[in-house]
Amino acid sequence: DGDGWGTEELDLGDLPGGSERASMGGGYYVAPNVGMPLTTRWSRESRLAADHAAAGSFESAMQLLQRQFGLARLEPLRGAFLALAASSQSVLAPAPSLPSLQAPLTRPGGWPCVCISLGSLVEKLKAADGLV
């Protein structure tokens, strides 16, 4: 025939929940609710300051460090916090006319992947030891 779908109505009554869905939704599609972003989950559920900093929640990361370790002067950690936040997200450019997309980098379990190597930590420890 070649007319495509045609103009007759489709009867969805024999599908499980078909007639109930049509009467409840008024015949239109209802999109599901948006879930919680991973960064929000990181700052809500983690007790690690690194996870909070990776989520960009610097205030809560500083509060955790003050409570857990008694740190009073946190200004020297500003660079590390910014590096954690920047390294825990990947940015994708789908097309020149579209906005960029951010995708969190995660380790197993959905927690942030902290992109700091042991070698870089040893170098920073050596540099800090030279200041003392």
C-alpha atoms as a PDB file:
ATOM      1  CA  ASP A   1       0.000   0.000   0.000  1.00  0.00           C
ATOM      2  CA  GLY A   2       2.883   2.392   0.817  1.00  0.00           C
ATOM      3  CA  ASP A   3       0.835   4.712   3.045  1.00  0.00           C
ATOM      4  CA  GLY A   4       3.059   4.230   6.080  1.00  0.00           C
ATOM      5  CA  TRP A   5       1.275   3.772   9.383  1.00  0.00           C
ATOM      6  CA  GLY A   6      -2.158   4.664   8.141  1.00  0.00           C
ATOM      7  CA  THR A   7      -4.744   6.714   9.978  1.00  0.00           C
ATOM      8  CA  GLU A   8      -6.529   4.100  12.084  1.00  0.00           C
ATOM      9  CA  GLU A   9      -6.070   4.097  15.870  1.00  0.00           C
ATOM     10  CA  LEU A  10      -3.946   1.388  17.438  1.00  0.00           C
ATOM     11  CA  ASP A  11      -5.730  -0.700  20.075  1.00  0.00           C
ATOM     12  CA  LEU A  12      -3.338  -1.226  23.005  1.00  0.00           C
ATOM     13  CA  GLY A  13      -5.928  -2.815  25.279  1.00  0.00           C
ATOM     14  CA  ASP A  14      -4.481  -6.337  25.008  1.00  0.00           C
ATOM     15  CA  LEU A  15      -1.009  -5.252  26.173  1.00  0.00           C
ATOM     16  CA  PRO A  16      -0.320  -5.503  29.920  1.00  0.00           C
ATOM     17  CA  GLY A  17      -1.334  -2.177  31.421  1.00  0.00           C
ATOM     18  CA  GLY A  18      -2.080  -0.682  27.985  1.00  0.00           C
ATOM     19  CA  SER A  19      -5.602   0.604  28.645  1.00  0.00           C
ATOM     20  CA  GLU A  20      -4.700   1.718  32.189  1.00  0.00           C
ATOM     21  CA  ARG A  21      -1.684   3.687  30.933  1.00  0.00           C
ATOM     22  CA  ALA A  22      -3.717   5.419  28.250  1.00  0.00           C
ATOM     23  CA  SER A  23      -6.404   6.463  30.752  1.00  0.00           C
ATOM     24  CA  MET A  24      -3.896   7.590  33.423  1.00  0.00           C
ATOM     25  CA  GLY A  25      -1.558   9.552  31.167  1.00  0.00           C
ATOM     26  CA  GLY A  26      -4.267  11.225  29.142  1.00  0.00           C
ATOM     27  CA  GLY A  27      -2.888   9.693  25.930  1.00  0.00           C
ATOM     28  CA  TYR A  28       0.466  11.476  26.030  1.00  0.00           C
ATOM     29  CA  TYR A  29       3.972  10.458  27.048  1.00  0.00           C
ATOM     30  CA  VAL A  30       5.197  11.336  30.533  1.00  0.00           C
ATOM     31  CA  ALA A  31       8.981  11.438  30.779  1.00  0.00           C
ATOM     32  CA  PRO A  32      10.632   9.821  33.814  1.00  0.00           C
ATOM     33  CA  ASN A  33      12.130  11.973  36.559  1.00  0.00           C
ATOM     34  CA  VAL A  34      15.752  12.968  36.240  1.00  0.00           C
ATOM     35  CA  GLY A  35      18.054  11.123  38.606  1.00  0.00           C
ATOM     36  CA  MET A  36      20.575  12.619  41.009  1.00  0.00           C
ATOM     37  CA  PRO A  37      23.856  13.702  39.373  1.00  0.00           C
ATOM     38  CA  LEU A  38      26.880  11.674  40.427  1.00  0.00           C
ATOM     39  CA  THR A  39      28.625  14.754  41.793  1.00  0.00           C
ATOM     40  CA  THR A  40      25.707  15.339  44.167  1.00  0.00           C
ATOM     41  CA  ARG A  41      25.903  11.737  45.304  1.00  0.00           C
ATOM     42  CA  TRP A  42      29.650  12.095  45.904  1.00  0.00           C
ATOM     43  CA  SER A  43      29.220  15.089  48.187  1.00  0.00           C
ATOM     44  CA  ARG A  44      26.185  13.650  50.011  1.00  0.00           C
ATOM     45  CA  GLU A  45      27.296  10.085  50.685  1.00  0.00           C
ATOM     46  CA  SER A  46      31.093  10.122  50.929  1.00  0.00           C
ATOM     47  CA  ARG A  47      33.147  10.833  54.040  1.00  0.00           C
ATOM     48  CA  LEU A  48      36.328  11.419  52.031  1.00  0.00           C
ATOM     49  CA  ALA A  49      37.407  15.007  51.490  1.00  0.00           C
ATOM     50  CA  ALA A  50      38.868  14.016  48.107  1.00  0.00           C
ATOM     51  CA  ASP A  51      35.421  12.886  46.899  1.00  0.00           C
ATOM     52  CA  HIS A  52      33.877  16.179  48.016  1.00  0.00           C
ATOM     53  CA  ALA A  53      36.620  18.179  46.285  1.00  0.00           C
ATOM     54  CA  ALA A  54      36.197  16.092  43.113  1.00  0.00           C
ATOM     55  CA  ALA A  55      32.486  16.931  43.177  1.00  0.00           C
ATOM     56  CA  GLY A  56      33.331  20.635  43.427  1.00  0.00           C
ATOM     57  CA  SER A  57      31.943  20.869  46.952  1.00  0.00           C
ATOM     58  CA  PHE A  58      34.969  22.641  48.414  1.00  0.00           C
ATOM     59  CA  GLU A  59      33.205  23.929  51.519  1.00  0.00           C
ATOM     60  CA  SER A  60      32.180  20.469  52.687  1.00  0.00           C
ATOM     61  CA  ALA A  61      35.652  19.103  51.843  1.00  0.00           C
ATOM     62  CA  MET A  62      37.220  21.793  54.057  1.00  0.00           C
ATOM     63  CA  GLN A  63      34.763  21.032  56.869  1.00  0.00           C
ATOM     64  CA  LEU A  64      35.648  17.339  56.689  1.00  0.00           C
ATOM     65  CA  LEU A  65      39.368  18.106  56.863  1.00  0.00           C
ATOM     66  CA  GLN A  66      38.836  20.402  59.837  1.00  0.00           C
ATOM     67  CA  ARG A  67      36.746  17.800  61.686  1.00  0.00           C
ATOM     68  CA  GLN A  68      38.801  14.730  60.839  1.00  0.00           C
ATOM     69  CA  PHE A  69      42.331  16.153  61.053  1.00  0.00           C
ATOM     70  CA  GLY A  70      41.993  19.478  62.850  1.00  0.00           C
ATOM     71  CA  LEU A  71      43.396  21.467  59.931  1.00  0.00           C
ATOM     72  CA  ALA A  72      42.968  25.173  60.486  1.00  0.00           C
ATOM     73  CA  ARG A  73      44.728  26.733  57.485  1.00  0.00           C
ATOM     74  CA  LEU A  74      43.352  25.277  54.277  1.00  0.00           C
ATOM     75  CA  GLU A  75      44.433  27.933  51.746  1.00  0.00           C
ATOM     76  CA  PRO A  76      47.489  25.858  50.644  1.00  0.00           C
ATOM     77  CA  LEU A  77      45.083  23.097  49.533  1.00  0.00           C
ATOM     78  CA  ARG A  78      43.254  25.348  47.078  1.00  0.00           C
ATOM     79  CA  GLY A  79      45.324  24.189  44.090  1.00  0.00           C
ATOM     80  CA  ALA A  80      44.841  20.524  44.992  1.00  0.00           C
ATOM     81  CA  PHE A  81      41.065  21.000  45.335  1.00  0.00           C
ATOM     82  CA  LEU A  82      40.844  22.699  41.936  1.00  0.00           C
ATOM     83  CA  ALA A  83      42.993  19.978  40.340  1.00  0.00           C
ATOM     84  CA  LEU A  84      40.763  17.249  41.815  1.00  0.00           C
ATOM     85  CA  ALA A  85      37.609  18.929  40.554  1.00  0.00           C
ATOM     86  CA  ALA A  86      39.065  19.433  37.067  1.00  0.00           C
ATOM     87  CA  SER A  87      40.508  15.927  36.762  1.00  0.00           C
ATOM     88  CA  SER A  88      37.337  14.131  37.830  1.00  0.00           C
ATOM     89  CA  GLN A  89      35.329  15.338  34.807  1.00  0.00           C
ATOM     90  CA  SER A  90      35.822  14.720  31.111  1.00  0.00           C
ATOM     91  CA  VAL A  91      34.481  17.269  28.646  1.00  0.00           C
ATOM     92  CA  LEU A  92      33.183  16.183  25.262  1.00  0.00           C
ATOM     93  CA  ALA A  93      32.488  18.480  22.328  1.00  0.00           C
ATOM     94  CA  PRO A  94      29.727  16.795  20.265  1.00  0.00           C
ATOM     95  CA  ALA A  95      29.654  19.400  17.478  1.00  0.00           C
ATOM     96  CA  PRO A  96      30.852  22.980  17.057  1.00  0.00           C
ATOM     97  CA  SER A  97      27.346  24.430  17.398  1.00  0.00           C
ATOM     98  CA  LEU A  98      26.369  22.372  20.452  1.00  0.00           C
ATOM     99  CA  PRO A  99      27.321  22.957  24.099  1.00  0.00           C
ATOM    100  CA  SER A 100      29.967  20.692  25.562  1.00  0.00           C
ATOM    101  CA  LEU A 101      28.961  17.659  27.599  1.00  0.00           C
ATOM    102  CA  GLN A 102      30.510  16.801  30.938  1.00  0.00           C
ATOM    103  CA  ALA A 103      30.935  13.183  31.965  1.00  0.00           C
ATOM    104  CA  PRO A 104      32.275  12.261  35.397  1.00  0.00           C
ATOM    105  CA  LEU A 105      35.214   9.860  35.520  1.00  0.00           C
ATOM    106  CA  THR A 106      34.379   7.126  38.007  1.00  0.00           C
ATOM    107  CA  ARG A 107      36.023   4.186  39.711  1.00  0.00           C
ATOM    108  CA  PRO A 108      34.027   1.009  40.437  1.00  0.00           C
ATOM    109  CA  GLY A 109      30.936   1.761  42.488  1.00  0.00           C
ATOM    110  CA  GLY A 110      30.291   5.138  40.854  1.00  0.00           C
ATOM    111  CA  TRP A 111      32.734   7.098  43.039  1.00  0.00           C
ATOM    112  CA  PRO A 112      35.063   9.712  41.525  1.00  0.00           C
ATOM    113  CA  CYS A 113      38.276   8.588  39.924  1.00  0.00           C
ATOM    114  CA  VAL A 114      40.923  10.689  41.616  1.00  0.00           C
ATOM    115  CA  CYS A 115      43.507  11.258  38.898  1.00  0.00           C
ATOM    116  CA  ILE A 116      46.602  11.638  41.051  1.00  0.00           C
ATOM    117  CA  SER A 117      49.490   9.223  40.700  1.00  0.00           C
ATOM    118  CA  LEU A 118      51.697   7.936  43.473  1.00  0.00           C
ATOM    119  CA  GLY A 119      54.717   9.443  41.710  1.00  0.00           C
ATOM    120  CA  SER A 120      53.239  12.942  41.807  1.00  0.00           C
ATOM    121  CA  LEU A 121      52.472  12.538  45.507  1.00  0.00           C
ATOM    122  CA  VAL A 122      56.071  11.482  46.211  1.00  0.00           C
ATOM    123  CA  GLU A 123      57.343  14.544  44.311  1.00  0.00           C
ATOM    124  CA  LYS A 124      55.069  16.840  46.331  1.00  0.00           C
ATOM    125  CA  LEU A 125      56.165  15.197  49.567  1.00  0.00           C
ATOM    126  CA  LYS A 126      59.829  15.760  48.666  1.00  0.00           C
ATOM    127  CA  ALA A 127      59.094  19.403  47.810  1.00  0.00           C
ATOM    128  CA  ALA A 128      57.222  19.890  51.090  1.00  0.00           C
ATOM    129  CA  ASP A 129      60.030  18.200  53.032  1.00  0.00           C
ATOM    130  CA  GLY A 130      62.489  20.695  51.574  1.00  0.00           C
ATOM    131  CA  LEU A 131      60.414  23.577  52.966  1.00  0.00           C
ATOM    132  CA  VAL A 132      60.684  22.360  56.552  1.00  0.00           C
END
